[in-house]
Amino acid sequence: MSDAPFFHDASGTVRFSVTVEGNPVNASIGREALRYHFRTGESADPMETYAQHADELDAAVRRRIAKGSMEPVMLRENDLQPVT
């Protein structure tokens, strides 16, 4: 990852990058998508939720890129695997 992930207040998203085939790909996911998918409370810190699930989120970005998505990748809840 070329830059550290951070929370972007204006858009309400966690922004991060994922290395895909040796290249950094910029991506983001909204606070609400994190909260709904991972079933956290409204007061949950989106950066903490991101950190706990970074591998899963990185994998979702890689799947989107493999299907032809272009950078930056905006993850939505339906891009994530069901929680078991």
N, C-alpha and C. Protein backbone atom coordinates (compact mmCIF):
# COMPACT_ATOMS: atom_id res chain seq x y z
N MET A 1 0.85 -1.17 0.00
CA MET A 1 0.00 0.00 0.00
C MET A 1 0.89 1.23 0.00
N SER A 2 0.63 2.15 -0.88
CA SER A 2 1.50 3.30 -1.02
C SER A 2 1.21 4.38 0.03
N ASP A 3 -0.02 4.56 0.42
CA ASP A 3 -0.38 5.56 1.42
C ASP A 3 -1.18 4.89 2.53
N ALA A 4 -1.08 5.47 3.71
CA ALA A 4 -1.84 4.93 4.84
C ALA A 4 -3.33 5.23 4.63
N PRO A 5 -4.20 4.30 5.01
CA PRO A 5 -5.63 4.55 4.90
C PRO A 5 -6.02 5.71 5.82
N PHE A 6 -7.07 6.44 5.41
CA PHE A 6 -7.53 7.56 6.23
C PHE A 6 -9.03 7.76 6.03
N PHE A 7 -9.65 8.42 6.99
CA PHE A 7 -11.08 8.73 6.87
C PHE A 7 -11.22 10.12 6.28
N HIS A 8 -11.98 10.21 5.19
CA HIS A 8 -12.22 11.47 4.50
C HIS A 8 -13.59 12.00 4.95
N ASP A 9 -13.56 13.01 5.83
CA ASP A 9 -14.79 13.53 6.43
C ASP A 9 -15.82 14.00 5.41
N ALA A 10 -15.37 14.75 4.42
CA ALA A 10 -16.30 15.36 3.46
C ALA A 10 -17.14 14.32 2.72
N SER A 11 -16.54 13.17 2.42
CA SER A 11 -17.28 12.14 1.68
C SER A 11 -17.79 11.02 2.58
N GLY A 12 -17.34 11.00 3.83
CA GLY A 12 -17.77 9.94 4.75
C GLY A 12 -17.23 8.58 4.36
N THR A 13 -16.02 8.56 3.78
CA THR A 13 -15.44 7.30 3.32
C THR A 13 -14.06 7.06 3.92
N VAL A 14 -13.72 5.78 4.03
CA VAL A 14 -12.34 5.39 4.32
C VAL A 14 -11.67 5.26 2.96
N ARG A 15 -10.57 5.93 2.79
CA ARG A 15 -9.81 5.85 1.54
C ARG A 15 -8.53 5.07 1.79
N PHE A 16 -8.23 4.18 0.86
CA PHE A 16 -7.07 3.30 1.03
C PHE A 16 -6.58 2.87 -0.34
N SER A 17 -5.44 2.23 -0.38
CA SER A 17 -4.96 1.70 -1.65
C SER A 17 -4.60 0.24 -1.47
N VAL A 18 -4.69 -0.48 -2.58
CA VAL A 18 -4.43 -1.92 -2.61
C VAL A 18 -3.46 -2.17 -3.75
N THR A 19 -2.48 -3.01 -3.52
CA THR A 19 -1.54 -3.36 -4.59
C THR A 19 -2.14 -4.49 -5.41
N VAL A 20 -2.30 -4.23 -6.70
CA VAL A 20 -2.84 -5.21 -7.64
C VAL A 20 -1.83 -5.34 -8.77
N GLU A 21 -1.28 -6.54 -8.92
CA GLU A 21 -0.28 -6.82 -9.94
C GLU A 21 0.86 -5.80 -9.88
N GLY A 22 1.29 -5.48 -8.66
CA GLY A 22 2.42 -4.58 -8.47
C GLY A 22 2.11 -3.10 -8.54
N ASN A 23 0.86 -2.74 -8.79
CA ASN A 23 0.48 -1.34 -8.91
C ASN A 23 -0.52 -0.95 -7.83
N PRO A 24 -0.36 0.25 -7.24
CA PRO A 24 -1.33 0.70 -6.24
C PRO A 24 -2.64 1.09 -6.91
N VAL A 25 -3.75 0.66 -6.33
CA VAL A 25 -5.08 1.01 -6.81
C VAL A 25 -5.80 1.74 -5.69
N ASN A 26 -6.24 2.96 -5.95
CA ASN A 26 -6.98 3.72 -4.95
C ASN A 26 -8.39 3.18 -4.83
N ALA A 27 -8.87 3.13 -3.58
CA ALA A 27 -10.20 2.60 -3.32
C ALA A 27 -10.80 3.32 -2.12
N SER A 28 -12.10 3.17 -1.96
CA SER A 28 -12.77 3.74 -0.79
C SER A 28 -14.02 2.92 -0.47
N ILE A 29 -14.48 3.10 0.76
CA ILE A 29 -15.73 2.47 1.19
C ILE A 29 -16.38 3.42 2.19
N GLY A 30 -17.68 3.57 2.06
CA GLY A 30 -18.42 4.48 2.91
C GLY A 30 -18.60 3.96 4.33
N ARG A 31 -18.72 4.90 5.23
CA ARG A 31 -18.95 4.58 6.63
C ARG A 31 -20.19 3.69 6.79
N GLU A 32 -21.26 4.00 6.05
CA GLU A 32 -22.50 3.23 6.17
C GLU A 32 -22.34 1.81 5.66
N ALA A 33 -21.62 1.63 4.57
CA ALA A 33 -21.40 0.28 4.05
C ALA A 33 -20.63 -0.55 5.07
N LEU A 34 -19.63 0.05 5.70
CA LEU A 34 -18.88 -0.65 6.74
C LEU A 34 -19.80 -1.02 7.90
N ARG A 35 -20.59 -0.05 8.32
CA ARG A 35 -21.47 -0.26 9.48
C ARG A 35 -22.51 -1.33 9.20
N TYR A 36 -23.17 -1.27 8.05
CA TYR A 36 -24.22 -2.23 7.73
C TYR A 36 -23.65 -3.63 7.50
N HIS A 37 -22.56 -3.71 6.75
CA HIS A 37 -22.02 -5.03 6.42
C HIS A 37 -21.44 -5.74 7.65
N PHE A 38 -20.70 -5.00 8.45
CA PHE A 38 -20.03 -5.62 9.59
C PHE A 38 -20.83 -5.49 10.88
N ARG A 39 -22.03 -4.94 10.76
CA ARG A 39 -22.98 -4.86 11.88
C ARG A 39 -22.39 -4.18 13.11
N THR A 40 -21.81 -3.02 12.88
CA THR A 40 -21.27 -2.24 13.99
C THR A 40 -22.30 -1.19 14.40
N GLY A 41 -22.12 -0.60 15.54
CA GLY A 41 -23.02 0.44 16.00
C GLY A 41 -22.78 1.75 15.27
N GLU A 42 -23.73 2.66 15.41
CA GLU A 42 -23.61 3.96 14.74
C GLU A 42 -22.39 4.74 15.19
N SER A 43 -21.96 4.52 16.42
CA SER A 43 -20.82 5.27 16.94
C SER A 43 -19.48 4.58 16.65
N ALA A 44 -19.51 3.45 15.94
CA ALA A 44 -18.27 2.72 15.64
C ALA A 44 -17.34 3.58 14.79
N ASP A 45 -16.07 3.50 15.09
CA ASP A 45 -15.05 4.22 14.33
C ASP A 45 -14.82 3.51 13.00
N PRO A 46 -15.09 4.18 11.86
CA PRO A 46 -14.90 3.51 10.57
C PRO A 46 -13.47 3.06 10.32
N MET A 47 -12.49 3.77 10.87
CA MET A 47 -11.09 3.36 10.68
C MET A 47 -10.81 2.07 11.45
N GLU A 48 -11.41 1.93 12.61
CA GLU A 48 -11.24 0.70 13.39
C GLU A 48 -11.88 -0.48 12.66
N THR A 49 -13.08 -0.27 12.13
CA THR A 49 -13.76 -1.32 11.38
C THR A 49 -12.94 -1.69 10.14
N TYR A 50 -12.44 -0.67 9.43
CA TYR A 50 -11.59 -0.93 8.27
C TYR A 50 -10.39 -1.78 8.68
N ALA A 51 -9.70 -1.39 9.74
CA ALA A 51 -8.49 -2.10 10.16
C ALA A 51 -8.78 -3.56 10.49
N GLN A 52 -9.91 -3.83 11.10
CA GLN A 52 -10.27 -5.19 11.47
C GLN A 52 -10.59 -6.06 10.25
N HIS A 53 -10.97 -5.42 9.14
CA HIS A 53 -11.41 -6.17 7.96
C HIS A 53 -10.65 -5.79 6.69
N ALA A 54 -9.44 -5.25 6.86
CA ALA A 54 -8.66 -4.76 5.71
C ALA A 54 -8.41 -5.85 4.67
N ASP A 55 -8.11 -7.07 5.10
CA ASP A 55 -7.84 -8.14 4.13
C ASP A 55 -9.06 -8.43 3.27
N GLU A 56 -10.23 -8.47 3.89
CA GLU A 56 -11.47 -8.71 3.15
C GLU A 56 -11.77 -7.57 2.18
N LEU A 57 -11.54 -6.34 2.62
CA LEU A 57 -11.79 -5.18 1.76
C LEU A 57 -10.80 -5.15 0.60
N ASP A 58 -9.54 -5.48 0.87
CA ASP A 58 -8.54 -5.56 -0.21
C ASP A 58 -8.95 -6.61 -1.25
N ALA A 59 -9.43 -7.75 -0.77
CA ALA A 59 -9.86 -8.82 -1.68
C ALA A 59 -11.03 -8.36 -2.53
N ALA A 60 -11.94 -7.59 -1.96
CA ALA A 60 -13.09 -7.09 -2.72
C ALA A 60 -12.62 -6.14 -3.82
N VAL A 61 -11.63 -5.31 -3.53
CA VAL A 61 -11.09 -4.40 -4.55
C VAL A 61 -10.46 -5.23 -5.67
N ARG A 62 -9.69 -6.25 -5.31
CA ARG A 62 -9.06 -7.09 -6.33
C ARG A 62 -10.10 -7.78 -7.21
N ARG A 63 -11.21 -8.24 -6.62
CA ARG A 63 -12.28 -8.86 -7.41
C ARG A 63 -12.88 -7.85 -8.39
N ARG A 64 -13.11 -6.63 -7.92
CA ARG A 64 -13.68 -5.60 -8.79
C ARG A 64 -12.74 -5.28 -9.96
N ILE A 65 -11.44 -5.16 -9.67
CA ILE A 65 -10.46 -4.88 -10.73
C ILE A 65 -10.43 -6.04 -11.72
N ALA A 66 -10.46 -7.27 -11.22
CA ALA A 66 -10.44 -8.46 -12.10
C ALA A 66 -11.66 -8.49 -13.02
N LYS A 67 -12.77 -7.90 -12.58
CA LYS A 67 -13.99 -7.86 -13.39
C LYS A 67 -14.04 -6.64 -14.30
N GLY A 68 -12.96 -5.83 -14.30
CA GLY A 68 -12.88 -4.72 -15.23
C GLY A 68 -13.14 -3.34 -14.66
N SER A 69 -13.34 -3.23 -13.35
CA SER A 69 -13.53 -1.90 -12.76
C SER A 69 -12.28 -1.07 -12.92
N MET A 70 -12.48 0.23 -13.01
CA MET A 70 -11.36 1.15 -13.13
C MET A 70 -11.17 1.90 -11.81
N GLU A 71 -9.98 2.38 -11.63
CA GLU A 71 -9.61 3.14 -10.45
C GLU A 71 -10.23 4.54 -10.50
N PRO A 72 -10.65 5.10 -9.39
CA PRO A 72 -10.68 4.54 -8.05
C PRO A 72 -11.89 3.62 -7.87
N VAL A 73 -11.72 2.59 -7.09
CA VAL A 73 -12.79 1.62 -6.83
C VAL A 73 -13.56 2.06 -5.59
N MET A 74 -14.85 2.28 -5.75
CA MET A 74 -15.72 2.62 -4.61
C MET A 74 -16.46 1.35 -4.24
N LEU A 75 -16.07 0.74 -3.11
CA LEU A 75 -16.74 -0.49 -2.69
C LEU A 75 -18.13 -0.18 -2.15
N ARG A 76 -19.04 -1.07 -2.45
CA ARG A 76 -20.39 -1.00 -1.92
C ARG A 76 -20.61 -2.28 -1.12
N GLU A 77 -21.67 -2.29 -0.35
CA GLU A 77 -21.92 -3.46 0.50
C GLU A 77 -22.03 -4.75 -0.31
N ASN A 78 -22.65 -4.68 -1.51
CA ASN A 78 -22.81 -5.90 -2.31
C ASN A 78 -21.49 -6.40 -2.91
N ASP A 79 -20.39 -5.65 -2.78
CA ASP A 79 -19.07 -6.11 -3.23
C ASP A 79 -18.42 -7.03 -2.20
N LEU A 80 -18.97 -7.05 -1.00
CA LEU A 80 -18.37 -7.80 0.10
C LEU A 80 -19.02 -9.16 0.24
N GLN A 81 -18.25 -10.10 0.76
CA GLN A 81 -18.76 -11.45 0.98
C GLN A 81 -19.71 -11.43 2.17
N PRO A 82 -20.73 -12.31 2.16
CA PRO A 82 -21.64 -12.35 3.30
C PRO A 82 -20.89 -12.68 4.59
N VAL A 83 -21.33 -12.04 5.67
CA VAL A 83 -20.74 -12.30 6.99
C VAL A 83 -21.31 -13.61 7.51
N THR A 84 -20.42 -14.49 7.98
CA THR A 84 -20.89 -15.77 8.53
C THR A 84 -20.68 -15.82 10.02
